[in-house]
Each structure stands twice: as C-alpha cells, then as structure tokens.
N, C-alpha and C. Protein backbone atom coordinates (compact mmCIF):
# COMPACT_ATOMS: atom_id res chain seq x y z
N MET A 1 18.70 21.89 -13.79
CA MET A 1 19.02 22.91 -12.81
C MET A 1 17.76 23.45 -12.14
N TRP A 2 16.69 23.58 -12.91
CA TRP A 2 15.46 24.14 -12.35
C TRP A 2 14.86 23.23 -11.29
N GLN A 3 15.19 21.93 -11.36
CA GLN A 3 14.65 20.99 -10.37
C GLN A 3 15.26 21.22 -8.98
N ILE A 4 16.50 21.72 -8.95
CA ILE A 4 17.12 22.03 -7.67
C ILE A 4 16.36 23.15 -6.99
N TRP A 5 15.95 24.16 -7.77
CA TRP A 5 15.22 25.28 -7.19
C TRP A 5 13.80 24.89 -6.78
N MET A 6 13.33 23.76 -7.26
CA MET A 6 12.03 23.27 -6.79
C MET A 6 12.15 22.70 -5.38
N LEU A 7 13.35 22.28 -4.98
CA LEU A 7 13.57 21.75 -3.63
C LEU A 7 13.78 22.87 -2.61
N PHE A 8 14.42 23.95 -3.02
CA PHE A 8 14.77 25.04 -2.11
C PHE A 8 14.06 26.32 -2.53
N ASP A 9 13.73 27.13 -1.54
CA ASP A 9 13.18 28.45 -1.82
C ASP A 9 14.34 29.35 -2.27
N PRO A 10 14.30 29.93 -3.47
CA PRO A 10 15.43 30.70 -3.98
C PRO A 10 15.79 31.90 -3.10
N ARG A 11 14.80 32.59 -2.53
CA ARG A 11 15.10 33.75 -1.69
C ARG A 11 15.86 33.34 -0.43
N ARG A 12 15.41 32.27 0.21
CA ARG A 12 16.09 31.81 1.42
C ARG A 12 17.49 31.29 1.10
N ALA A 13 17.66 30.62 -0.03
CA ALA A 13 18.97 30.10 -0.41
C ALA A 13 19.94 31.24 -0.71
N MET A 14 19.49 32.26 -1.41
CA MET A 14 20.37 33.40 -1.72
C MET A 14 20.73 34.21 -0.47
N ILE A 15 19.77 34.39 0.43
CA ILE A 15 20.05 35.10 1.68
C ILE A 15 21.01 34.28 2.54
N GLY A 16 20.81 32.99 2.61
CA GLY A 16 21.73 32.13 3.36
C GLY A 16 23.13 32.16 2.79
N LEU A 17 23.24 32.14 1.47
CA LEU A 17 24.55 32.20 0.82
C LEU A 17 25.23 33.54 1.08
N ALA A 18 24.47 34.63 1.01
CA ALA A 18 25.04 35.96 1.27
C ALA A 18 25.50 36.09 2.71
N VAL A 19 24.72 35.58 3.66
CA VAL A 19 25.11 35.64 5.07
C VAL A 19 26.36 34.81 5.30
N PHE A 20 26.43 33.63 4.72
CA PHE A 20 27.61 32.78 4.86
C PHE A 20 28.85 33.45 4.29
N LEU A 21 28.75 34.01 3.10
CA LEU A 21 29.91 34.65 2.47
C LEU A 21 30.36 35.89 3.24
N PHE A 22 29.42 36.67 3.75
CA PHE A 22 29.77 37.85 4.55
C PHE A 22 30.48 37.42 5.84
N THR A 23 29.97 36.39 6.50
CA THR A 23 30.60 35.89 7.72
C THR A 23 32.01 35.37 7.43
N LEU A 24 32.17 34.66 6.34
CA LEU A 24 33.48 34.15 5.95
C LEU A 24 34.46 35.29 5.69
N ALA A 25 34.00 36.34 5.01
CA ALA A 25 34.86 37.49 4.73
C ALA A 25 35.29 38.19 6.02
N ILE A 26 34.36 38.36 6.96
CA ILE A 26 34.69 39.00 8.24
C ILE A 26 35.71 38.17 9.01
N VAL A 27 35.54 36.86 9.03
CA VAL A 27 36.48 35.98 9.75
C VAL A 27 37.86 36.07 9.12
N ILE A 28 37.95 36.06 7.80
CA ILE A 28 39.25 36.15 7.12
C ILE A 28 39.92 37.48 7.43
N HIS A 29 39.16 38.57 7.43
CA HIS A 29 39.74 39.88 7.71
C HIS A 29 40.23 39.97 9.15
N PHE A 30 39.50 39.42 10.10
CA PHE A 30 39.96 39.44 11.49
C PHE A 30 41.19 38.58 11.68
N ILE A 31 41.30 37.47 10.97
CA ILE A 31 42.51 36.65 11.04
C ILE A 31 43.70 37.43 10.50
N LEU A 32 43.51 38.12 9.39
CA LEU A 32 44.61 38.92 8.84
C LEU A 32 44.99 40.08 9.76
N LEU A 33 44.02 40.69 10.41
CA LEU A 33 44.32 41.79 11.33
C LEU A 33 45.07 41.33 12.57
N SER A 34 45.01 40.05 12.89
CA SER A 34 45.71 39.55 14.07
C SER A 34 47.17 39.23 13.78
N THR A 35 47.62 39.33 12.54
CA THR A 35 49.01 39.05 12.20
C THR A 35 49.80 40.35 12.12
N ASP A 36 51.13 40.26 12.29
CA ASP A 36 51.99 41.43 12.18
C ASP A 36 52.12 41.91 10.73
N ARG A 37 52.23 40.98 9.83
CA ARG A 37 52.51 41.33 8.44
C ARG A 37 51.33 41.99 7.73
N PHE A 38 50.12 41.54 8.01
CA PHE A 38 48.95 42.00 7.26
C PHE A 38 48.02 42.90 8.06
N ASN A 39 48.48 43.45 9.18
CA ASN A 39 47.65 44.37 9.96
C ASN A 39 47.77 45.76 9.36
N TRP A 40 46.78 46.16 8.57
CA TRP A 40 46.83 47.43 7.86
C TRP A 40 46.35 48.59 8.72
N LEU A 41 45.79 48.32 9.90
CA LEU A 41 45.32 49.40 10.76
C LEU A 41 46.41 49.90 11.71
N ASP A 42 47.07 49.00 12.42
CA ASP A 42 48.07 49.38 13.43
C ASP A 42 49.50 49.24 12.94
N GLY A 43 49.72 48.46 11.92
CA GLY A 43 51.08 48.17 11.49
C GLY A 43 51.70 47.10 12.38
N PRO A 44 52.99 46.85 12.22
CA PRO A 44 53.63 45.83 13.05
C PRO A 44 53.64 46.23 14.52
N ARG A 45 53.62 45.24 15.39
CA ARG A 45 53.67 45.52 16.83
C ARG A 45 55.05 46.02 17.22
N ALA A 46 55.14 46.74 18.33
CA ALA A 46 56.40 47.37 18.76
C ALA A 46 57.45 46.34 19.16
N GLY A 47 57.08 45.23 19.70
CA GLY A 47 58.06 44.24 20.18
C GLY A 47 58.38 43.19 19.15
N SER A 48 58.52 43.57 17.91
CA SER A 48 58.78 42.57 16.86
C SER A 48 60.26 42.21 16.80
N ALA A 49 60.62 41.38 15.84
CA ALA A 49 61.98 40.87 15.72
C ALA A 49 62.98 41.95 15.32
N ALA A 50 62.52 43.02 14.69
CA ALA A 50 63.43 44.08 14.26
C ALA A 50 64.07 44.78 15.46
N THR A 51 63.33 44.99 16.52
CA THR A 51 63.91 45.63 17.70
C THR A 51 64.76 44.66 18.50
N ALA A 52 64.50 43.37 18.38
CA ALA A 52 65.31 42.39 19.11
C ALA A 52 66.70 42.28 18.52
N GLN A 53 66.88 42.62 17.25
CA GLN A 53 68.20 42.52 16.63
C GLN A 53 69.08 43.71 16.94
N MET A 54 68.51 44.80 17.41
CA MET A 54 69.29 45.99 17.71
C MET A 54 69.92 45.86 19.09
N SER A 55 71.21 46.17 19.20
CA SER A 55 71.88 46.12 20.49
C SER A 55 72.72 47.38 20.64
N PRO A 56 72.97 47.81 21.87
CA PRO A 56 73.77 49.02 22.06
C PRO A 56 75.23 48.79 21.65
N LEU A 57 75.87 49.87 21.26
CA LEU A 57 77.29 49.78 20.89
C LEU A 57 78.15 49.60 22.13
N PRO A 58 79.28 48.91 22.00
CA PRO A 58 80.19 48.81 23.14
C PRO A 58 80.73 50.20 23.52
N SER A 59 81.18 50.34 24.75
CA SER A 59 81.64 51.64 25.23
C SER A 59 82.88 52.13 24.47
N SER A 60 83.71 51.23 23.98
CA SER A 60 84.90 51.66 23.23
C SER A 60 84.51 52.31 21.91
N VAL A 61 83.44 51.82 21.26
CA VAL A 61 82.98 52.42 20.02
C VAL A 61 82.36 53.79 20.31
N ASN A 62 81.61 53.89 21.39
CA ASN A 62 80.99 55.16 21.77
C ASN A 62 82.05 56.23 22.03
N ALA A 63 83.17 55.84 22.65
CA ALA A 63 84.25 56.80 22.94
C ALA A 63 84.89 57.30 21.66
N LYS A 64 85.04 56.43 20.68
CA LYS A 64 85.65 56.82 19.40
C LYS A 64 84.74 57.74 18.60
N LEU A 65 83.43 57.52 18.74
CA LEU A 65 82.48 58.33 18.00
C LEU A 65 82.24 59.70 18.65
N GLY A 66 82.70 59.88 19.88
CA GLY A 66 82.53 61.15 20.54
C GLY A 66 81.23 61.26 21.30
N SER A 67 80.62 60.15 21.63
CA SER A 67 79.37 60.19 22.39
C SER A 67 79.63 60.01 23.85
C-alpha cells in the first residue's frame, strides 16, 4: 500500500478526493431538488397530478347540497 503513495502526493490526492466527493454530493442534492417527491425546500409543485384529479361537482349535486 505504501508504494501507491510513493506514486502520488498524499495531500494532492486527498484534496482531489474531497473536491470530487463534495461535487458529487452537490450534484445529487440538486437532482433531488428538481423532483416533486424529494424537494424539501418548496414541496410539490402546484400543477401536480393531485389537482388534475379534482373536478367540479355537477350542477344537480350542487343544488341538492344547497350551494
């Protein structure tokens, strides 16, 4: 194992690894923020499938309900 570190400078390798992992984490978080299900900042978007399933009641039902 020590022979590998003779090929690479340990400080540069650790800094490169940390930068790569930080960049990967940021990319994963931005991908999750772009979805409806995993957006923890804004929540689901207003035009989602839940509002598409809602429809107004027919006028005969409204008359019976007193509206």
